[in-house]
N, C-alpha and C. Protein backbone atom coordinates (compact mmCIF):
# COMPACT_ATOMS: atom_id res chain seq x y z
N UNK A 1 104.34 144.56 100.25
CA UNK A 1 102.97 144.11 100.44
C UNK A 1 102.98 142.84 101.31
N UNK A 2 102.18 142.85 102.35
CA UNK A 2 102.13 141.72 103.28
C UNK A 2 101.25 140.61 102.73
N UNK A 3 101.73 139.37 102.84
CA UNK A 3 100.95 138.20 102.44
C UNK A 3 100.67 137.35 103.67
N UNK A 4 99.42 137.05 103.89
CA UNK A 4 99.04 136.23 105.03
C UNK A 4 99.55 134.81 104.84
N UNK A 5 99.98 134.14 105.92
CA UNK A 5 100.41 132.75 105.80
C UNK A 5 99.28 131.89 105.26
N UNK A 6 99.59 131.04 104.30
CA UNK A 6 98.58 130.17 103.72
C UNK A 6 97.86 130.78 102.54
N UNK A 7 98.12 132.04 102.26
CA UNK A 7 97.44 132.68 101.14
C UNK A 7 98.02 132.23 99.82
N UNK A 8 99.32 131.96 99.80
CA UNK A 8 99.97 131.50 98.58
C UNK A 8 100.24 130.01 98.66
N UNK A 9 101.34 129.60 98.07
CA UNK A 9 101.71 128.19 98.14
C UNK A 9 102.33 127.93 99.50
N UNK A 10 101.74 127.03 100.24
CA UNK A 10 102.23 126.71 101.57
C UNK A 10 103.15 125.51 101.53
N UNK A 11 103.53 125.07 102.69
CA UNK A 11 104.40 123.90 102.81
C UNK A 11 103.58 122.65 102.58
N UNK A 12 103.95 121.84 101.64
CA UNK A 12 103.35 120.52 101.48
C UNK A 12 102.04 120.46 100.73
N UNK A 13 101.60 121.49 100.06
CA UNK A 13 100.39 121.31 99.27
C UNK A 13 99.58 122.56 99.03
N UNK A 14 99.82 123.63 99.68
CA UNK A 14 99.15 124.87 99.34
C UNK A 14 97.86 125.14 100.08
N UNK A 15 97.59 124.48 101.18
CA UNK A 15 96.39 124.79 101.95
C UNK A 15 96.78 125.52 103.22
N UNK A 16 95.80 126.11 103.87
CA UNK A 16 96.08 126.87 105.09
C UNK A 16 96.57 125.95 106.22
N UNK A 17 96.14 124.68 106.21
CA UNK A 17 96.59 123.75 107.24
C UNK A 17 98.08 123.49 107.14
N UNK A 18 98.63 123.61 105.93
CA UNK A 18 100.05 123.32 105.74
C UNK A 18 100.95 124.36 106.40
N UNK A 19 100.39 125.48 106.80
CA UNK A 19 101.18 126.53 107.44
C UNK A 19 101.75 126.04 108.77
N UNK A 20 101.09 125.06 109.39
CA UNK A 20 101.58 124.56 110.67
C UNK A 20 102.89 123.82 110.53
N UNK A 21 103.29 123.48 109.31
CA UNK A 21 104.55 122.78 109.11
C UNK A 21 104.35 121.31 108.84
N UNK A 22 103.18 120.78 109.09
CA UNK A 22 102.91 119.37 108.84
C UNK A 22 102.47 119.19 107.40
N UNK A 23 102.76 118.03 106.85
CA UNK A 23 102.33 117.71 105.49
C UNK A 23 100.82 117.62 105.44
N UNK A 24 100.23 117.96 104.31
CA UNK A 24 98.79 117.86 104.16
C UNK A 24 98.34 116.41 104.27
N UNK A 25 99.19 115.50 103.84
CA UNK A 25 98.87 114.07 103.95
C UNK A 25 98.59 113.65 105.38
N UNK A 26 99.34 114.22 106.32
CA UNK A 26 99.11 113.88 107.73
C UNK A 26 97.76 114.40 108.20
N UNK A 27 97.37 115.57 107.73
CA UNK A 27 96.06 116.12 108.10
C UNK A 27 94.94 115.25 107.54
N UNK A 28 95.12 114.79 106.30
CA UNK A 28 94.10 113.93 105.68
C UNK A 28 94.02 112.61 106.43
N UNK A 29 95.17 112.03 106.78
CA UNK A 29 95.19 110.76 107.52
C UNK A 29 94.54 110.93 108.89
N UNK A 30 94.81 112.04 109.56
CA UNK A 30 94.22 112.31 110.86
C UNK A 30 92.70 112.45 110.75
N UNK A 31 92.25 113.17 109.72
CA UNK A 31 90.81 113.33 109.51
C UNK A 31 90.11 112.01 109.26
N UNK A 32 90.72 111.15 108.45
CA UNK A 32 90.13 109.83 108.17
C UNK A 32 90.10 108.99 109.44
N UNK A 33 91.19 109.02 110.21
CA UNK A 33 91.23 108.26 111.45
C UNK A 33 90.16 108.73 112.43
N UNK A 34 89.98 110.05 112.55
CA UNK A 34 88.95 110.58 113.44
C UNK A 34 87.55 110.22 112.96
N UNK A 35 87.35 110.22 111.65
CA UNK A 35 86.06 109.85 111.08
C UNK A 35 85.73 108.39 111.38
N UNK A 36 86.70 107.51 111.19
CA UNK A 36 86.48 106.09 111.47
C UNK A 36 86.22 105.87 112.96
N UNK A 37 86.98 106.56 113.81
CA UNK A 37 86.78 106.43 115.25
C UNK A 37 85.38 106.89 115.64
N UNK A 38 84.92 107.99 115.08
CA UNK A 38 83.58 108.49 115.38
C UNK A 38 82.50 107.52 114.95
N UNK A 39 82.66 106.91 113.76
CA UNK A 39 81.67 105.94 113.28
C UNK A 39 81.64 104.73 114.20
N UNK A 40 82.80 104.24 114.61
CA UNK A 40 82.85 103.08 115.51
C UNK A 40 82.22 103.39 116.86
N UNK A 41 82.47 104.59 117.38
CA UNK A 41 81.87 104.97 118.67
C UNK A 41 80.35 105.11 118.56
N UNK A 42 79.87 105.66 117.45
CA UNK A 42 78.42 105.78 117.26
C UNK A 42 77.76 104.41 117.18
N UNK A 43 78.38 103.50 116.44
CA UNK A 43 77.82 102.15 116.31
C UNK A 43 77.78 101.44 117.66
N UNK A 44 78.85 101.59 118.45
CA UNK A 44 78.90 100.96 119.78
C UNK A 44 77.83 101.55 120.69
N UNK A 45 77.64 102.86 120.63
CA UNK A 45 76.63 103.50 121.47
C UNK A 45 75.22 103.05 121.07
N UNK A 46 74.97 102.92 119.80
CA UNK A 46 73.65 102.47 119.34
C UNK A 46 73.38 101.04 119.74
N UNK A 47 74.40 100.20 119.66
CA UNK A 47 74.24 98.80 120.08
C UNK A 47 73.92 98.72 121.57
N UNK A 48 74.64 99.52 122.38
CA UNK A 48 74.39 99.51 123.82
C UNK A 48 72.98 99.99 124.13
N UNK A 49 72.55 101.02 123.42
CA UNK A 49 71.23 101.59 123.66
C UNK A 49 70.13 100.58 123.28
N UNK A 50 70.31 99.90 122.16
CA UNK A 50 69.29 98.95 121.73
C UNK A 50 69.29 97.70 122.62
N UNK A 51 70.44 97.32 123.14
CA UNK A 51 70.52 96.15 124.03
C UNK A 51 69.91 96.47 125.39
N UNK A 52 70.06 97.72 125.84
CA UNK A 52 69.54 98.11 127.14
C UNK A 52 68.03 98.32 127.09
N UNK A 53 67.52 98.71 125.96
CA UNK A 53 66.11 99.07 125.87
C UNK A 53 65.34 97.97 125.32
C-alpha cells in the first residue's frame, strides 16, 4: 500500500512541510520572520503615505 509523503510521521515533527527535509522549527522561524518583515513594510508604507498626503 502506497503512503503519500507527509501522510504519516515526517522528519522533524510530522507535518507535510517536514517532507522537504528541513526541521519544522525552521519553517516556524521563517514564517515569523516574514510576518515581522511584512508588518514593518506596511508601517513604513503607511507613514510615507500619510507624510506625502
